[in-house]
Amino acid sequence: MDHFTIVSDQLQATRNFYVEVLGLAEGPRPPFPVPGFWLYAQEHPVLHVVGVSHMPEPRRGVLDHMAFHARGLQRMWTHLEEHGVRFKVIRAPGDVRTWQLFMQDPNGVEVELDFDPSEVPPVDWKDRRGS
C-alpha cells in the first residue's frame, strides 16, 4: 500500500485532526491545480487530502477504515480526550491482544490506531472507554 486519498470540504479541520491529534506531518506535495495537502508518517506520504467545495453525492468508494501503528497508548488516550475526540476501545481477540482505538475524522472516515499488546492502558480504562 502506498497511500490513502480522502476528499474533504473541511480542509483545516481535517489537517488539524491528522496533524495535531494523530501526529502525522504535513509535507511536500506536487503543485496540483486543486487545494489539498499530503500528510507523512516519517518520510512517506501516507495520506493525500484533496479539497472540494462540496462533498460528492453519492460518496465514492468503499473504504471501510484506515489503520496506523501507534505507540504510547496512555499518552494518546489522554491526548484524544483532551481534543474532545470520541473513540472506541477494543482489545483484539486471540493470541495477539492488540489495543485498538477507533474514531472518526472530521469527514466521517473511520481511523484505527493499533498499539502493541504489551502497552498498558490507563488504570481506569474501563471507566474511560472512549470518552
N, C-alpha and C. Protein backbone atom coordinates (compact mmCIF):
# COMPACT_ATOMS: atom_id res chain seq x y z
N MET A 1 0.85 -1.18 0.00
CA MET A 1 0.00 0.00 0.00
C MET A 1 0.89 1.23 0.00
N ASP A 2 0.54 2.19 -0.83
CA ASP A 2 1.32 3.42 -0.92
C ASP A 2 0.69 4.55 -0.11
N HIS A 3 -0.59 4.81 -0.33
CA HIS A 3 -1.25 5.90 0.39
C HIS A 3 -2.77 5.77 0.28
N PHE A 4 -3.45 6.54 1.11
CA PHE A 4 -4.90 6.71 1.03
C PHE A 4 -5.15 8.13 0.56
N THR A 5 -6.26 8.34 -0.15
CA THR A 5 -6.69 9.69 -0.52
C THR A 5 -8.11 9.88 -0.03
N ILE A 6 -8.34 11.01 0.62
CA ILE A 6 -9.71 11.36 1.01
C ILE A 6 -10.01 12.74 0.47
N VAL A 7 -11.29 12.99 0.19
CA VAL A 7 -11.72 14.32 -0.19
C VAL A 7 -12.40 14.97 1.01
N SER A 8 -12.29 16.27 1.08
CA SER A 8 -12.83 16.97 2.24
C SER A 8 -13.30 18.37 1.86
N ASP A 9 -14.43 18.75 2.45
CA ASP A 9 -14.86 20.14 2.34
C ASP A 9 -14.54 20.87 3.66
N GLN A 10 -13.68 20.24 4.47
CA GLN A 10 -13.24 20.81 5.75
C GLN A 10 -11.72 20.65 5.86
N LEU A 11 -10.98 21.31 4.99
CA LEU A 11 -9.54 21.10 4.93
C LEU A 11 -8.84 21.41 6.25
N GLN A 12 -9.14 22.53 6.87
CA GLN A 12 -8.43 22.90 8.09
C GLN A 12 -8.74 21.93 9.23
N ALA A 13 -10.00 21.57 9.41
CA ALA A 13 -10.37 20.62 10.46
C ALA A 13 -9.72 19.26 10.20
N THR A 14 -9.66 18.85 8.94
CA THR A 14 -9.04 17.58 8.58
C THR A 14 -7.56 17.62 8.86
N ARG A 15 -6.91 18.70 8.46
CA ARG A 15 -5.47 18.86 8.74
C ARG A 15 -5.23 18.82 10.24
N ASN A 16 -6.01 19.57 11.01
CA ASN A 16 -5.82 19.61 12.46
C ASN A 16 -5.96 18.22 13.08
N PHE A 17 -6.95 17.46 12.63
CA PHE A 17 -7.17 16.12 13.19
C PHE A 17 -5.95 15.24 12.96
N TYR A 18 -5.48 15.17 11.72
CA TYR A 18 -4.39 14.25 11.41
C TYR A 18 -3.02 14.74 11.88
N VAL A 19 -2.81 16.05 11.92
CA VAL A 19 -1.52 16.59 12.34
C VAL A 19 -1.48 16.79 13.85
N GLU A 20 -2.42 17.55 14.39
CA GLU A 20 -2.37 17.90 15.80
C GLU A 20 -2.83 16.77 16.71
N VAL A 21 -3.78 15.98 16.26
CA VAL A 21 -4.30 14.90 17.11
C VAL A 21 -3.55 13.60 16.87
N LEU A 22 -3.39 13.18 15.60
CA LEU A 22 -2.78 11.88 15.34
C LEU A 22 -1.28 11.93 15.08
N GLY A 23 -0.72 13.11 14.86
CA GLY A 23 0.73 13.23 14.77
C GLY A 23 1.36 13.02 13.41
N LEU A 24 0.57 12.99 12.33
CA LEU A 24 1.18 12.96 11.00
C LEU A 24 1.78 14.34 10.73
N ALA A 25 2.67 14.43 9.76
CA ALA A 25 3.32 15.70 9.45
C ALA A 25 2.98 16.12 8.03
N GLU A 26 2.66 17.41 7.87
CA GLU A 26 2.41 17.92 6.53
C GLU A 26 3.74 18.03 5.81
N GLY A 27 3.75 17.63 4.52
CA GLY A 27 4.99 17.66 3.77
C GLY A 27 4.79 18.04 2.33
N PRO A 28 5.84 17.90 1.53
CA PRO A 28 5.79 18.31 0.13
C PRO A 28 4.66 17.64 -0.64
N ARG A 29 4.10 18.41 -1.56
CA ARG A 29 3.02 17.93 -2.43
C ARG A 29 3.23 18.55 -3.81
N PRO A 30 3.05 17.80 -4.87
CA PRO A 30 3.17 18.39 -6.20
C PRO A 30 2.17 19.54 -6.37
N PRO A 31 2.44 20.45 -7.30
CA PRO A 31 1.57 21.62 -7.48
C PRO A 31 0.29 21.29 -8.25
N PHE A 32 -0.54 20.43 -7.67
CA PHE A 32 -1.82 20.09 -8.30
C PHE A 32 -2.69 21.34 -8.40
N PRO A 33 -3.60 21.40 -9.38
CA PRO A 33 -4.44 22.59 -9.56
C PRO A 33 -5.65 22.63 -8.62
N VAL A 34 -5.67 21.74 -7.63
CA VAL A 34 -6.77 21.72 -6.65
C VAL A 34 -6.16 21.86 -5.26
N PRO A 35 -6.92 22.42 -4.31
CA PRO A 35 -6.38 22.56 -2.96
C PRO A 35 -6.20 21.21 -2.29
N GLY A 36 -5.35 21.16 -1.30
CA GLY A 36 -5.13 19.94 -0.54
C GLY A 36 -3.76 19.90 0.07
N PHE A 37 -3.42 18.77 0.64
CA PHE A 37 -2.12 18.59 1.27
C PHE A 37 -1.82 17.10 1.36
N TRP A 38 -0.53 16.80 1.57
CA TRP A 38 -0.08 15.43 1.80
C TRP A 38 0.41 15.35 3.23
N LEU A 39 0.06 14.25 3.90
CA LEU A 39 0.49 14.03 5.27
C LEU A 39 1.40 12.81 5.32
N TYR A 40 2.45 12.95 6.09
CA TYR A 40 3.52 11.96 6.11
C TYR A 40 3.60 11.24 7.46
N ALA A 41 3.93 9.94 7.38
CA ALA A 41 4.36 9.15 8.53
C ALA A 41 5.83 8.89 8.27
N GLN A 42 6.68 9.53 9.04
CA GLN A 42 8.12 9.56 8.81
C GLN A 42 8.35 10.18 7.44
N GLU A 43 9.04 9.49 6.53
CA GLU A 43 9.36 10.12 5.24
C GLU A 43 8.37 9.76 4.14
N HIS A 44 7.32 9.02 4.47
CA HIS A 44 6.40 8.54 3.44
C HIS A 44 5.05 9.25 3.49
N PRO A 45 4.58 9.82 2.35
CA PRO A 45 3.27 10.46 2.34
C PRO A 45 2.15 9.41 2.31
N VAL A 46 1.54 9.15 3.47
CA VAL A 46 0.56 8.07 3.59
C VAL A 46 -0.88 8.53 3.38
N LEU A 47 -1.13 9.83 3.51
CA LEU A 47 -2.50 10.32 3.37
C LEU A 47 -2.51 11.56 2.50
N HIS A 48 -3.24 11.49 1.38
CA HIS A 48 -3.41 12.63 0.49
C HIS A 48 -4.81 13.17 0.73
N VAL A 49 -4.91 14.46 0.97
CA VAL A 49 -6.21 15.09 1.21
C VAL A 49 -6.47 16.08 0.08
N VAL A 50 -7.62 15.95 -0.56
CA VAL A 50 -8.00 16.82 -1.68
C VAL A 50 -9.18 17.66 -1.23
N GLY A 51 -9.06 18.97 -1.41
CA GLY A 51 -10.13 19.88 -1.03
C GLY A 51 -11.20 20.00 -2.10
N VAL A 52 -12.45 19.93 -1.67
CA VAL A 52 -13.60 20.12 -2.57
C VAL A 52 -14.53 21.14 -1.92
N SER A 53 -15.31 21.85 -2.74
CA SER A 53 -16.25 22.82 -2.17
C SER A 53 -17.47 22.13 -1.57
N HIS A 54 -17.85 20.99 -2.15
CA HIS A 54 -18.98 20.20 -1.65
C HIS A 54 -18.61 18.73 -1.74
N MET A 55 -18.98 17.98 -0.73
CA MET A 55 -18.71 16.54 -0.76
C MET A 55 -19.53 15.91 -1.88
N PRO A 56 -18.95 14.98 -2.62
CA PRO A 56 -19.68 14.34 -3.72
C PRO A 56 -20.86 13.52 -3.22
N GLU A 57 -21.93 13.55 -3.96
CA GLU A 57 -23.11 12.72 -3.67
C GLU A 57 -23.45 11.93 -4.91
N PRO A 58 -23.52 10.65 -4.91
CA PRO A 58 -23.19 9.85 -3.73
C PRO A 58 -21.69 9.84 -3.50
N ARG A 59 -21.29 9.55 -2.26
CA ARG A 59 -19.87 9.48 -1.95
C ARG A 59 -19.24 8.31 -2.68
N ARG A 60 -17.98 8.50 -3.09
CA ARG A 60 -17.27 7.46 -3.85
C ARG A 60 -16.64 6.46 -2.92
N GLY A 61 -16.40 5.29 -3.45
CA GLY A 61 -15.55 4.32 -2.80
C GLY A 61 -16.21 3.50 -1.72
N VAL A 62 -15.46 2.51 -1.25
CA VAL A 62 -15.95 1.61 -0.23
C VAL A 62 -14.92 1.43 0.88
N LEU A 63 -14.05 2.39 1.07
CA LEU A 63 -13.04 2.31 2.13
C LEU A 63 -13.77 2.21 3.47
N ASP A 64 -13.50 1.14 4.20
CA ASP A 64 -14.14 0.95 5.50
C ASP A 64 -13.42 1.75 6.57
N HIS A 65 -12.10 1.65 6.64
CA HIS A 65 -11.33 2.43 7.60
C HIS A 65 -9.86 2.38 7.22
N MET A 66 -9.06 3.25 7.85
CA MET A 66 -7.62 3.20 7.69
C MET A 66 -7.02 2.98 9.07
N ALA A 67 -5.92 2.24 9.11
CA ALA A 67 -5.29 1.91 10.39
C ALA A 67 -3.82 2.31 10.38
N PHE A 68 -3.36 2.77 11.55
CA PHE A 68 -1.97 3.16 11.72
C PHE A 68 -1.40 2.43 12.93
N HIS A 69 -0.14 2.00 12.84
CA HIS A 69 0.58 1.52 14.02
C HIS A 69 0.85 2.74 14.89
N ALA A 70 0.76 2.57 16.18
CA ALA A 70 0.98 3.70 17.08
C ALA A 70 1.73 3.22 18.32
N ARG A 71 2.31 4.18 19.05
CA ARG A 71 2.99 3.91 20.31
C ARG A 71 2.53 4.93 21.34
N GLY A 72 2.57 4.52 22.60
CA GLY A 72 2.20 5.44 23.67
C GLY A 72 0.70 5.43 23.93
N LEU A 73 0.16 4.28 24.25
CA LEU A 73 -1.29 4.13 24.42
C LEU A 73 -1.86 5.11 25.44
N GLN A 74 -1.28 5.18 26.62
CA GLN A 74 -1.81 6.08 27.65
C GLN A 74 -1.74 7.54 27.22
N ARG A 75 -0.61 7.91 26.63
CA ARG A 75 -0.43 9.30 26.19
C ARG A 75 -1.45 9.65 25.10
N MET A 76 -1.65 8.74 24.12
CA MET A 76 -2.60 9.01 23.05
C MET A 76 -4.03 9.04 23.58
N TRP A 77 -4.36 8.15 24.49
CA TRP A 77 -5.69 8.10 25.10
C TRP A 77 -6.03 9.46 25.71
N THR A 78 -5.10 9.96 26.53
CA THR A 78 -5.32 11.27 27.17
C THR A 78 -5.35 12.38 26.13
N HIS A 79 -4.49 12.30 25.14
CA HIS A 79 -4.43 13.31 24.07
C HIS A 79 -5.76 13.39 23.32
N LEU A 80 -6.33 12.24 22.97
CA LEU A 80 -7.63 12.22 22.28
C LEU A 80 -8.71 12.84 23.15
N GLU A 81 -8.73 12.50 24.43
CA GLU A 81 -9.71 13.07 25.35
C GLU A 81 -9.56 14.58 25.44
N GLU A 82 -8.32 15.05 25.53
CA GLU A 82 -8.08 16.50 25.61
C GLU A 82 -8.56 17.23 24.37
N HIS A 83 -8.54 16.56 23.22
CA HIS A 83 -9.00 17.17 21.97
C HIS A 83 -10.49 16.90 21.71
N GLY A 84 -11.17 16.27 22.66
CA GLY A 84 -12.60 16.01 22.51
C GLY A 84 -12.93 14.99 21.44
N VAL A 85 -11.99 14.11 21.12
CA VAL A 85 -12.21 13.09 20.10
C VAL A 85 -12.85 11.87 20.77
N ARG A 86 -14.03 11.52 20.32
CA ARG A 86 -14.70 10.32 20.82
C ARG A 86 -14.09 9.10 20.14
N PHE A 87 -13.85 8.05 20.91
CA PHE A 87 -13.24 6.86 20.34
C PHE A 87 -13.75 5.62 21.06
N LYS A 88 -13.60 4.49 20.37
CA LYS A 88 -14.00 3.20 20.91
C LYS A 88 -12.72 2.40 21.14
N VAL A 89 -12.69 1.65 22.23
CA VAL A 89 -11.53 0.84 22.58
C VAL A 89 -11.87 -0.63 22.39
N ILE A 90 -10.99 -1.34 21.69
CA ILE A 90 -11.16 -2.78 21.52
C ILE A 90 -9.84 -3.44 21.85
N ARG A 91 -9.91 -4.53 22.57
CA ARG A 91 -8.74 -5.39 22.79
C ARG A 91 -8.92 -6.56 21.84
N ALA A 92 -8.07 -6.66 20.83
CA ALA A 92 -8.24 -7.68 19.80
C ALA A 92 -8.27 -9.07 20.41
N PRO A 93 -9.15 -9.93 19.90
CA PRO A 93 -9.23 -11.29 20.43
C PRO A 93 -8.08 -12.15 19.91
N GLY A 94 -7.95 -13.33 20.48
CA GLY A 94 -6.94 -14.28 20.02
C GLY A 94 -5.65 -14.16 20.80
N ASP A 95 -4.60 -14.72 20.22
CA ASP A 95 -3.30 -14.75 20.90
C ASP A 95 -2.62 -13.39 20.93
N VAL A 96 -2.81 -12.59 19.90
CA VAL A 96 -2.19 -11.26 19.85
C VAL A 96 -3.25 -10.24 20.27
N ARG A 97 -3.15 -9.74 21.47
CA ARG A 97 -4.18 -8.88 22.07
C ARG A 97 -3.89 -7.40 21.83
N THR A 98 -3.78 -7.02 20.59
CA THR A 98 -3.51 -5.63 20.21
C THR A 98 -4.57 -4.70 20.80
N TRP A 99 -4.13 -3.55 21.28
CA TRP A 99 -5.05 -2.49 21.70
C TRP A 99 -5.43 -1.70 20.46
N GLN A 100 -6.71 -1.46 20.26
CA GLN A 100 -7.18 -0.72 19.09
C GLN A 100 -8.09 0.42 19.53
N LEU A 101 -7.82 1.61 19.04
CA LEU A 101 -8.68 2.77 19.28
C LEU A 101 -9.28 3.16 17.94
N PHE A 102 -10.61 3.27 17.89
CA PHE A 102 -11.32 3.63 16.67
C PHE A 102 -12.01 4.98 16.86
N MET A 103 -11.90 5.85 15.84
CA MET A 103 -12.53 7.17 15.88
C MET A 103 -12.87 7.59 14.47
N GLN A 104 -13.57 8.70 14.33
CA GLN A 104 -13.87 9.25 13.00
C GLN A 104 -13.16 10.58 12.83
N ASP A 105 -12.66 10.81 11.62
CA ASP A 105 -12.07 12.11 11.31
C ASP A 105 -13.21 13.09 11.01
N PRO A 106 -12.92 14.36 10.77
CA PRO A 106 -13.99 15.34 10.52
C PRO A 106 -14.85 15.03 9.29
N ASN A 107 -14.40 14.13 8.40
CA ASN A 107 -15.14 13.80 7.19
C ASN A 107 -15.94 12.51 7.33
N GLY A 108 -15.91 11.90 8.50
CA GLY A 108 -16.63 10.66 8.72
C GLY A 108 -15.84 9.42 8.36
N VAL A 109 -14.54 9.55 8.09
CA VAL A 109 -13.68 8.41 7.79
C VAL A 109 -13.27 7.76 9.10
N GLU A 110 -13.44 6.44 9.21
CA GLU A 110 -13.02 5.76 10.44
C GLU A 110 -11.51 5.54 10.42
N VAL A 111 -10.88 5.87 11.56
CA VAL A 111 -9.45 5.74 11.73
C VAL A 111 -9.20 4.80 12.90
N GLU A 112 -8.29 3.87 12.71
CA GLU A 112 -7.91 2.89 13.74
C GLU A 112 -6.46 3.13 14.12
N LEU A 113 -6.18 3.17 15.41
CA LEU A 113 -4.81 3.22 15.90
C LEU A 113 -4.53 1.90 16.61
N ASP A 114 -3.49 1.20 16.19
CA ASP A 114 -3.14 -0.10 16.77
C ASP A 114 -1.89 0.02 17.63
N PHE A 115 -2.01 -0.47 18.88
CA PHE A 115 -0.93 -0.41 19.85
C PHE A 115 -0.50 -1.82 20.22
N ASP A 116 0.77 -2.00 20.50
CA ASP A 116 1.32 -3.29 20.89
C ASP A 116 0.57 -3.85 22.10
N PRO A 117 0.35 -5.17 22.12
CA PRO A 117 -0.36 -5.78 23.25
C PRO A 117 0.30 -5.54 24.60
N SER A 118 1.61 -5.29 24.60
CA SER A 118 2.33 -5.08 25.87
C SER A 118 2.09 -3.69 26.46
N GLU A 119 1.52 -2.78 25.70
CA GLU A 119 1.27 -1.44 26.23
C GLU A 119 0.23 -1.51 27.34
N VAL A 120 0.36 -0.61 28.28
CA VAL A 120 -0.53 -0.60 29.45
C VAL A 120 -1.53 0.54 29.29
N PRO A 121 -2.83 0.25 29.41
CA PRO A 121 -3.84 1.30 29.30
C PRO A 121 -3.90 2.11 30.60
N PRO A 122 -4.63 3.21 30.59
CA PRO A 122 -4.84 3.93 31.84
C PRO A 122 -5.47 2.98 32.87
N VAL A 123 -5.12 3.18 34.14
CA VAL A 123 -5.62 2.32 35.22
C VAL A 123 -7.15 2.22 35.18
N ASP A 124 -7.80 3.32 34.94
CA ASP A 124 -9.27 3.37 34.94
C ASP A 124 -9.86 3.24 33.54
N TRP A 125 -9.19 2.50 32.65
CA TRP A 125 -9.57 2.47 31.24
C TRP A 125 -10.98 1.97 31.02
N LYS A 126 -11.46 1.05 31.81
CA LYS A 126 -12.82 0.53 31.59
C LYS A 126 -13.88 1.59 31.87
N ASP A 127 -13.56 2.54 32.76
CA ASP A 127 -14.49 3.64 33.04
C ASP A 127 -14.36 4.77 32.02
N ARG A 128 -13.23 4.82 31.33
CA ARG A 128 -12.94 5.91 30.38
C ARG A 128 -13.09 5.46 28.94
N ARG A 129 -13.73 4.36 28.68
CA ARG A 129 -13.78 3.78 27.33
C ARG A 129 -14.35 4.73 26.30
N GLY A 130 -13.51 5.52 25.70
CA GLY A 130 -13.89 6.30 24.55
C GLY A 130 -14.59 7.60 24.83
N SER A 131 -14.35 8.15 25.98
CA SER A 131 -14.89 9.47 26.32
C SER A 131 -16.39 9.47 26.30
